[in-house]
């Protein structure tokens, strides 16, 4: 019994992962990338500290190296964030364009379906109503 429940929970988690939105996936990938860069930076700093302990480099050299690494990591983060924003903007523009195309296609399909079923459009009903009103007014004038 317990294994069936676990299997069901696993399936639900997999399904939830599959239904993530694009934004959630992008945020997840970004946080993973930031974590990887942060881990790499921490590893490099620990290696520099080990070199310091072994007296292979001076503290001044180690400080310079760490400052350079931090500056490089910050530059790369900013560059990646800028690129991500640019790609997100491109994606948003493409989604907007595709949405307009889909809306036009849907409108055309609805119009053709209404025409095939011989159902009048709003404009046709409004024109017909105007004509009926006009004829009603003319009939009332002739009765007087």
Foldseek 3Di string as FASTA:
>chain_A
DVVVVVVVVVVVVVVVVVPDDPVVVVVVVLVVVVVVLVVVLVVVLVVLVVCVVVVVDDPVVSVVVNVVSVVVSVVVNVVVVVVVVVVVVVVVVVVVVVVVVVVVVVVVVVVVVCVVVVHDDPVVVVVVVVVVVVVVVVVVVVVD
